[in-house]
C-alpha atoms as a PDB file:
ATOM      1  CA  MET A   1     -62.571  35.928  -8.513  1.00  0.00           C
ATOM      2  CA  LYS A   2     -63.829  36.515  -4.806  1.00  0.00           C
ATOM      3  CA  TYR A   3     -62.815  34.169  -2.066  1.00  0.00           C
ATOM      4  CA  GLU A   4     -63.717  33.800   1.730  1.00  0.00           C
ATOM      5  CA  ILE A   5     -61.451  31.432   4.152  1.00  0.00           C
ATOM      6  CA  LYS A   6     -63.527  29.949   6.910  1.00  0.00           C
ATOM      7  CA  GLY A   7     -63.289  27.322   9.522  1.00  0.00           C
ATOM      8  CA  GLY A   8     -60.482  28.319  11.885  1.00  0.00           C
ATOM      9  CA  ASN A   9     -57.974  25.685  12.261  1.00  0.00           C
ATOM     10  CA  LEU A  10     -60.056  23.197  10.061  1.00  0.00           C
ATOM     11  CA  PRO A  11     -60.355  25.562   7.192  1.00  0.00           C
ATOM     12  CA  VAL A  12     -61.784  25.871   3.864  1.00  0.00           C
ATOM     13  CA  VAL A  13     -61.532  28.463   0.999  1.00  0.00           C
ATOM     14  CA  ILE A  14     -64.651  29.112  -1.054  1.00  0.00           C
ATOM     15  CA  CYS A  15     -64.260  30.645  -4.227  1.00  0.00           C
ATOM     16  CA  GLN A  16     -67.031  32.686  -6.260  1.00  0.00           C
ATOM     17  CA  LEU A  17     -66.471  32.617  -9.985  1.00  0.00           C
ATOM     18  CA  SER A  18     -67.888  34.516 -12.824  1.00  0.00           C
ATOM     19  CA  GLU A  19     -69.437  32.752 -15.934  1.00  0.00           C
ATOM     20  CA  ASN A  20     -66.588  31.095 -17.659  1.00  0.00           C
ATOM     21  CA  GLU A  21     -63.853  32.257 -15.245  1.00  0.00           C
ATOM     22  CA  SER A  22     -61.742  29.166 -14.479  1.00  0.00           C
ATOM     23  CA  ILE A  23     -59.740  28.109 -11.301  1.00  0.00           C
ATOM     24  CA  VAL A  24     -56.904  25.341 -11.331  1.00  0.00           C
ATOM     25  CA  CYS A  25     -57.203  22.835  -8.417  1.00  0.00           C
ATOM     26  CA  GLN A  26     -54.815  20.040  -7.158  1.00  0.00           C
ATOM     27  CA  GLY A  27     -56.398  16.631  -7.815  1.00  0.00           C
ATOM     28  CA  GLY A  28     -58.804  15.813  -5.142  1.00  0.00           C
ATOM     29  CA  ALA A  29     -58.905  19.428  -3.763  1.00  0.00           C
ATOM     30  CA  MET A  30     -62.551  20.056  -4.665  1.00  0.00           C
ATOM     31  CA  SER A  31     -64.683  19.617  -1.431  1.00  0.00           C
ATOM     32  CA  TRP A  32     -68.038  21.050  -2.758  1.00  0.00           C
ATOM     33  CA  MET A  33     -69.204  23.260  -5.641  1.00  0.00           C
ATOM     34  CA  SER A  34     -72.136  24.686  -7.436  1.00  0.00           C
ATOM     35  CA  ASP A  35     -73.822  22.421 -10.079  1.00  0.00           C
ATOM     36  CA  ASN A  36     -73.102  24.220 -12.807  1.00  0.00           C
ATOM     37  CA  MET A  37     -69.383  23.676 -12.645  1.00  0.00           C
ATOM     38  CA  GLU A  38     -67.633  21.903 -15.485  1.00  0.00           C
ATOM     39  CA  MET A  39     -64.433  20.045 -14.785  1.00  0.00           C
ATOM     40  CA  SER A  40     -61.463  19.268 -17.205  1.00  0.00           C
ATOM     41  CA  THR A  41     -58.371  17.245 -16.116  1.00  0.00           C
ATOM     42  CA  SER A  42     -54.744  17.685 -17.501  1.00  0.00           C
ATOM     43  CA  SER A  43     -51.177  17.246 -16.736  1.00  0.00           C
ATOM     44  CA  GLY A  44     -50.074  20.552 -18.493  1.00  0.00           C
ATOM     45  CA  GLY A  45     -47.458  18.665 -20.362  1.00  0.00           C
ATOM     46  CA  PHE A  46     -45.364  15.654 -19.383  1.00  0.00           C
ATOM     47  CA  LYS A  47     -42.561  17.784 -17.900  1.00  0.00           C
ATOM     48  CA  LYS A  48     -45.006  19.622 -15.528  1.00  0.00           C
ATOM     49  CA  GLY A  49     -46.719  16.541 -14.576  1.00  0.00           C
ATOM     50  CA  LEU A  50     -43.485  14.883 -13.865  1.00  0.00           C
ATOM     51  CA  GLY A  51     -42.296  17.911 -12.012  1.00  0.00           C
ATOM     52  CA  ARG A  52     -45.500  17.585  -9.556  1.00  0.00           C
ATOM     53  CA  MET A  53     -44.881  14.008  -9.054  1.00  0.00           C
ATOM     54  CA  MET A  54     -41.495  14.501  -8.161  1.00  0.00           C
ATOM     55  CA  SER A  55     -42.548  16.995  -5.386  1.00  0.00           C
ATOM     56  CA  GLY A  56     -45.154  14.223  -3.925  1.00  0.00           C
ATOM     57  CA  ASP A  57     -48.078  15.765  -5.681  1.00  0.00           C
ATOM     58  CA  ASN A  58     -50.572  14.514  -8.229  1.00  0.00           C
ATOM     59  CA  ALA A  59     -49.399  14.614 -11.764  1.00  0.00           C
ATOM     60  CA  PHE A  60     -52.846  16.037 -12.972  1.00  0.00           C
ATOM     61  CA  GLN A  61     -54.773  19.069 -12.099  1.00  0.00           C
ATOM     62  CA  ASN A  62     -58.365  19.995 -12.541  1.00  0.00           C
ATOM     63  CA  THR A  63     -59.802  23.066 -14.092  1.00  0.00           C
ATOM     64  CA  PHE A  64     -63.377  24.234 -12.879  1.00  0.00           C
ATOM     65  CA  THR A  65     -65.295  26.648 -14.918  1.00  0.00           C
ATOM     66  CA  PRO A  66     -69.059  27.680 -14.197  1.00  0.00           C
ATOM     67  CA  LYS A  67     -71.302  27.466 -17.178  1.00  0.00           C
ATOM     68  CA  GLY A  68     -74.718  29.489 -17.690  1.00  0.00           C
ATOM     69  CA  GLY A  69     -74.011  31.869 -14.870  1.00  0.00           C
ATOM     70  CA  PRO A  70     -71.639  32.234 -11.784  1.00  0.00           C
ATOM     71  CA  GLY A  71     -70.411  29.624  -9.527  1.00  0.00           C
ATOM     72  CA  PHE A  72     -68.787  28.535  -6.680  1.00  0.00           C
ATOM     73  CA  ILE A  73     -66.183  25.939  -5.400  1.00  0.00           C
ATOM     74  CA  ALA A  74     -64.800  25.161  -2.010  1.00  0.00           C
ATOM     75  CA  MET A  75     -61.354  23.693  -1.146  1.00  0.00           C
ATOM     76  CA  ALA A  76     -60.809  22.182   2.101  1.00  0.00           C
ATOM     77  CA  SER A  77     -57.535  21.675   3.945  1.00  0.00           C
ATOM     78  CA  SER A  78     -56.609  17.974   4.224  1.00  0.00           C
ATOM     79  CA  PHE A  79     -55.015  18.599   7.835  1.00  0.00           C
ATOM     80  CA  PRO A  80     -55.583  20.835  11.009  1.00  0.00           C
ATOM     81  CA  GLY A  81     -53.852  24.165  10.118  1.00  0.00           C
ATOM     82  CA  SER A  82     -54.489  27.220   7.970  1.00  0.00           C
ATOM     83  CA  ILE A  83     -55.126  28.019   4.217  1.00  0.00           C
ATOM     84  CA  ASN A  84     -53.170  31.205   2.961  1.00  0.00           C
ATOM     85  CA  ALA A  85     -54.015  33.253  -0.046  1.00  0.00           C
ATOM     86  CA  VAL A  86     -50.904  34.845  -1.783  1.00  0.00           C
ATOM     87  CA  GLN A  87     -50.794  37.252  -4.689  1.00  0.00           C
ATOM     88  CA  ILE A  88     -48.283  35.939  -7.361  1.00  0.00           C
ATOM     89  CA  THR A  89     -46.692  38.523  -9.675  1.00  0.00           C
ATOM     90  CA  PRO A  90     -44.082  38.211 -12.484  1.00  0.00           C
ATOM     91  CA  ASP A  91     -41.612  40.073 -10.276  1.00  0.00           C
ATOM     92  CA  ARG A  92     -42.530  38.163  -7.055  1.00  0.00           C
ATOM     93  CA  PRO A  93     -43.163  34.332  -7.575  1.00  0.00           C
ATOM     94  CA  MET A  94     -43.019  32.135  -4.478  1.00  0.00           C
ATOM     95  CA  VAL A  95     -41.952  28.712  -3.381  1.00  0.00           C
ATOM     96  CA  VAL A  96     -44.342  26.502  -1.315  1.00  0.00           C
ATOM     97  CA  GLN A  97     -44.160  22.912   0.080  1.00  0.00           C
ATOM     98  CA  GLY A  98     -44.364  20.138  -2.231  1.00  0.00           C
ATOM     99  CA  THR A  99     -48.002  18.966  -1.234  1.00  0.00           C
ATOM    100  CA  ALA A 100     -49.307  22.477   0.113  1.00  0.00           C
ATOM    101  CA  PHE A 101     -50.936  23.798  -3.243  1.00  0.00           C
ATOM    102  CA  LEU A 102     -54.520  23.824  -3.371  1.00  0.00           C
ATOM    103  CA  GLY A 103     -55.522  25.812  -6.217  1.00  0.00           C
ATOM    104  CA  SER A 104     -55.132  29.059  -8.072  1.00  0.00           C
ATOM    105  CA  GLU A 105     -56.461  31.327 -10.769  1.00  0.00           C
ATOM    106  CA  GLN A 106     -55.572  29.968 -14.292  1.00  0.00           C
ATOM    107  CA  SER A 107     -52.904  32.628 -14.851  1.00  0.00           C
ATOM    108  CA  VAL A 108     -50.600  31.132 -12.029  1.00  0.00           C
ATOM    109  CA  ASP A 109     -48.050  28.715 -13.226  1.00  0.00           C
ATOM    110  CA  MET A 110     -46.781  25.790 -11.082  1.00  0.00           C
ATOM    111  CA  ASN A 111     -43.406  23.779 -11.690  1.00  0.00           C
ATOM    112  CA  ALA A 112     -41.162  21.852  -9.564  1.00  0.00           C
ATOM    113  CA  TRP A 113     -38.470  24.060  -7.696  1.00  0.00           C
ATOM    114  CA  LEU A 114     -35.164  22.722  -8.235  1.00  0.00           C
ATOM    115  CA  GLN A 115     -32.505  23.712  -5.692  1.00  0.00           C
ATOM    116  CA  LYS A 116     -29.192  24.609  -7.455  1.00  0.00           C
ATOM    117  CA  LYS A 117     -27.343  23.435  -4.449  1.00  0.00           C
ATOM    118  CA  PHE A 118     -26.896  19.454  -4.613  1.00  0.00           C
ATOM    119  CA  SER A 119     -26.515  19.206  -0.781  1.00  0.00           C
ATOM    120  CA  VAL A 120     -29.580  20.938  -0.191  1.00  0.00           C
ATOM    121  CA  GLY A 121     -31.544  18.349  -2.281  1.00  0.00           C
ATOM    122  CA  ALA A 122     -29.408  15.435  -1.272  1.00  0.00           C
ATOM    123  CA  PHE A 123     -29.599  16.288   2.559  1.00  0.00           C
ATOM    124  CA  GLY A 124     -32.708  18.377   3.145  1.00  0.00           C
ATOM    125  CA  GLY A 125     -35.148  15.592   3.441  1.00  0.00           C
ATOM    126  CA  LYS A 126     -38.463  14.394   1.504  1.00  0.00           C
ATOM    127  CA  GLY A 127     -40.122  17.534   3.241  1.00  0.00           C
ATOM    128  CA  PHE A 128     -37.764  19.816   1.357  1.00  0.00           C
ATOM    129  CA  ILE A 129     -39.103  19.122  -2.142  1.00  0.00           C
ATOM    130  CA  MET A 130     -41.180  22.337  -3.237  1.00  0.00           C
ATOM    131  CA  GLN A 131     -42.997  23.805  -5.879  1.00  0.00           C
ATOM    132  CA  LYS A 132     -42.707  27.075  -7.651  1.00  0.00           C
ATOM    133  CA  LEU A 133     -45.667  29.527  -8.143  1.00  0.00           C
ATOM    134  CA  SER A 134     -45.036  32.060 -10.924  1.00  0.00           C
ATOM    135  CA  GLY A 135     -47.209  34.168 -13.338  1.00  0.00           C
ATOM    136  CA  ASN A 136     -49.874  36.423 -12.177  1.00  0.00           C
ATOM    137  CA  GLY A 137     -52.737  35.788  -9.779  1.00  0.00           C
ATOM    138  CA  ILE A 138     -53.972  34.472  -6.651  1.00  0.00           C
ATOM    139  CA  ALA A 139     -52.935  31.035  -5.350  1.00  0.00           C
ATOM    140  CA  PHE A 140     -53.921  29.244  -2.331  1.00  0.00           C
ATOM    141  CA  TYR A 141     -51.770  26.894   0.101  1.00  0.00           C
ATOM    142  CA  GLU A 142     -52.048  25.041   3.266  1.00  0.00           C
ATOM    143  CA  ILE A 143     -50.258  25.268   6.230  1.00  0.00           C
ATOM    144  CA  SER A 144     -49.773  22.629   8.857  1.00  0.00           C
ATOM    145  CA  GLY A 145     -50.768  24.070  12.240  1.00  0.00           C
ATOM    146  CA  HIS A 146     -50.149  27.926  12.415  1.00  0.00           C
ATOM    147  CA  GLY A 147     -48.081  29.729  10.039  1.00  0.00           C
ATOM    148  CA  VAL A 148     -45.458  32.509  11.226  1.00  0.00           C
ATOM    149  CA  GLU A 149     -43.923  34.928   8.665  1.00  0.00           C
ATOM    150  CA  TYR A 150     -40.578  36.517   8.937  1.00  0.00           C
ATOM    151  CA  ASN A 151     -39.344  39.114   6.602  1.00  0.00           C
ATOM    152  CA  LEU A 152     -35.410  38.661   6.309  1.00  0.00           C
ATOM    153  CA  ALA A 153     -33.369  41.460   5.269  1.00  0.00           C
ATOM    154  CA  ALA A 154     -30.448  40.949   2.991  1.00  0.00           C
ATOM    155  CA  GLY A 155     -27.968  38.982   4.477  1.00  0.00           C
ATOM    156  CA  GLN A 156     -30.034  37.972   7.833  1.00  0.00           C
ATOM    157  CA  SER A 157     -30.372  34.316   8.188  1.00  0.00           C
ATOM    158  CA  ILE A 158     -32.674  31.895  10.113  1.00  0.00           C
ATOM    159  CA  ILE A 159     -31.948  28.221  11.100  1.00  0.00           C
ATOM    160  CA  VAL A 160     -34.974  25.980  10.372  1.00  0.00           C
ATOM    161  CA  GLU A 161     -35.817  22.201  10.892  1.00  0.00           C
ATOM    162  CA  THR A 162     -36.787  21.209   7.310  1.00  0.00           C
ATOM    163  CA  GLY A 163     -40.396  20.082   8.015  1.00  0.00           C
ATOM    164  CA  HIS A 164     -41.132  23.528   9.345  1.00  0.00           C
ATOM    165  CA  LEU A 165     -40.673  25.508   6.086  1.00  0.00           C
ATOM    166  CA  ALA A 166     -44.050  26.127   4.280  1.00  0.00           C
ATOM    167  CA  ALA A 167     -43.241  28.786   1.894  1.00  0.00           C
ATOM    168  CA  MET A 168     -40.651  31.431   0.673  1.00  0.00           C
ATOM    169  CA  ASP A 169     -39.723  34.020  -1.793  1.00  0.00           C
ATOM    170  CA  THR A 170     -37.472  32.688  -4.392  1.00  0.00           C
ATOM    171  CA  THR A 171     -34.954  35.278  -3.394  1.00  0.00           C
ATOM    172  CA  VAL A 172     -34.142  33.524  -0.207  1.00  0.00           C
ATOM    173  CA  ASP A 173     -31.027  31.468  -0.229  1.00  0.00           C
ATOM    174  CA  VAL A 174     -31.217  27.943   0.991  1.00  0.00           C
ATOM    175  CA  SER A 175     -28.096  26.037   2.378  1.00  0.00           C
ATOM    176  CA  ILE A 176     -27.629  23.143   4.619  1.00  0.00           C
ATOM    177  CA  VAL A 177     -25.924  23.311   8.207  1.00  0.00           C
ATOM    178  CA  ALA A 178     -24.736  20.341  10.359  1.00  0.00           C
ATOM    179  CA  VAL A 179     -25.765  20.038  13.954  1.00  0.00           C
ATOM    180  CA  LYS A 180     -22.470  20.666  15.718  1.00  0.00           C
ATOM    181  CA  GLY A 181     -21.138  18.198  18.252  1.00  0.00           C
ATOM    182  CA  LEU A 182     -21.273  14.223  18.181  1.00  0.00           C
ATOM    183  CA  LYS A 183     -23.305  13.986  21.374  1.00  0.00           C
ATOM    184  CA  ASN A 184     -25.658  16.572  19.955  1.00  0.00           C
ATOM    185  CA  LYS A 185     -26.175  14.710  16.701  1.00  0.00           C
ATOM    186  CA  LEU A 186     -26.614  11.186  18.353  1.00  0.00           C
ATOM    187  CA  VAL A 187     -28.897  12.009  21.398  1.00  0.00           C
ATOM    188  CA  GLY A 188     -29.922  15.752  20.910  1.00  0.00           C
ATOM    189  CA  GLY A 189     -33.055  14.839  19.125  1.00  0.00           C
ATOM    190  CA  GLU A 190     -32.551  17.539  16.549  1.00  0.00           C
ATOM    191  CA  GLY A 191     -31.160  15.211  13.821  1.00  0.00           C
ATOM    192  CA  LEU A 192     -27.851  15.698  11.896  1.00  0.00           C
ATOM    193  CA  SER A 193     -28.662  18.791  10.262  1.00  0.00           C
ATOM    194  CA  ASN A 194     -31.011  21.496   9.501  1.00  0.00           C
ATOM    195  CA  ILE A 195     -31.536  24.316   6.762  1.00  0.00           C
ATOM    196  CA  LYS A 196     -30.232  27.972   6.767  1.00  0.00           C
ATOM    197  CA  LEU A 197     -32.645  30.427   5.100  1.00  0.00           C
ATOM    198  CA  THR A 198     -30.763  33.754   4.088  1.00  0.00           C
ATOM    199  CA  GLY A 199     -32.503  37.039   2.939  1.00  0.00           C
ATOM    200  CA  PRO A 200     -33.848  38.959   1.320  1.00  0.00           C
ATOM    201  CA  GLY A 201     -37.209  37.914   1.269  1.00  0.00           C
ATOM    202  CA  ARG A 202     -40.260  36.343   3.071  1.00  0.00           C
ATOM    203  CA  VAL A 203     -40.286  33.078   5.017  1.00  0.00           C
ATOM    204  CA  ILE A 204     -43.442  31.530   6.234  1.00  0.00           C
ATOM    205  CA  LEU A 205     -42.933  28.574   8.765  1.00  0.00           C
ATOM    206  CA  GLN A 206     -45.277  26.153   9.913  1.00  0.00           C
ATOM    207  CA  THR A 207     -45.846  25.018  13.595  1.00  0.00           C
ATOM    208  CA  MET A 208     -46.948  21.494  13.425  1.00  0.00           C
ATOM    209  CA  PRO A 209     -45.619  19.655  10.000  1.00  0.00           C
ATOM    210  CA  ILE A 210     -47.660  16.805   8.957  1.00  0.00           C
ATOM    211  CA  SER A 211     -44.807  14.171   9.740  1.00  0.00           C
ATOM    212  CA  ASN A 212     -44.823  15.689  13.651  1.00  0.00           C
ATOM    213  CA  LEU A 213     -48.471  15.441  13.720  1.00  0.00           C
ATOM    214  CA  ALA A 214     -48.620  11.580  12.663  1.00  0.00           C
ATOM    215  CA  GLY A 215     -45.773  11.086  15.082  1.00  0.00           C
ATOM    216  CA  ALA A 216     -47.891  12.725  18.025  1.00  0.00           C
ATOM    217  CA  VAL A 217     -50.983  10.367  17.118  1.00  0.00           C
ATOM    218  CA  SER A 218     -49.510   7.202  16.242  1.00  0.00           C
ATOM    219  CA  PRO A 219     -49.211   5.917  19.884  1.00  0.00           C
ATOM    220  CA  TYR A 220     -52.910   6.393  20.184  1.00  0.00           C
ATOM    221  CA  ILE A 221     -53.850   4.462  16.969  1.00  0.00           C
ATOM    222  CA  VAL A 222     -55.069   1.047  17.878  1.00  0.00           C
ATOM    223  CA  LYS A 223     -53.134  -1.592  15.408  1.00  0.00           C
ATOM    224  CA  ALA A 224     -54.942  -4.525  14.221  1.00  0.00           C
END
């Protein structure tokens, strides 16, 4: 598979496929494609479909395959930001935000990522439900706003507001840290808690979570 990402901060990834080569896309991700692409829809099994629903995504995925020659398919981002391509390998899976996945080669597997620490799942917020990409192949995920990458050394930590976490290596440890001080919690505007990410591993942060974008434009929306 060959691919090209175009469009600046309103991006689209266009994938060129050989005959009978397949790509798996999240439901609704296809924007345009060649007329020789055949589509099949599957949940991949009850457990996988349920896991995607838990992360806020569609339970079903679509597989596109060109017949009678090479073909192409385009997947556009659903909000202003960027599209990242990542090489998934058996020894380096990755975790991405719940609704960020666009598509991947068929050899990449996607499952709900269940945080072992109860406090993270309970207090991390809806935006913290994530998906694990494993296997071997190229995967595409979208980022709200601009993506900033940190490579954390072993034991090195960073404090992040939950919605700004776009993706990370599975080697990164996650914990909840409370905002200190009652006044800070009540009127500081930073909420009650944040997440602490501790290396080793990559962390990709996004500058404009979709919830922040919605809050920024809501005052300008005319209500009926």
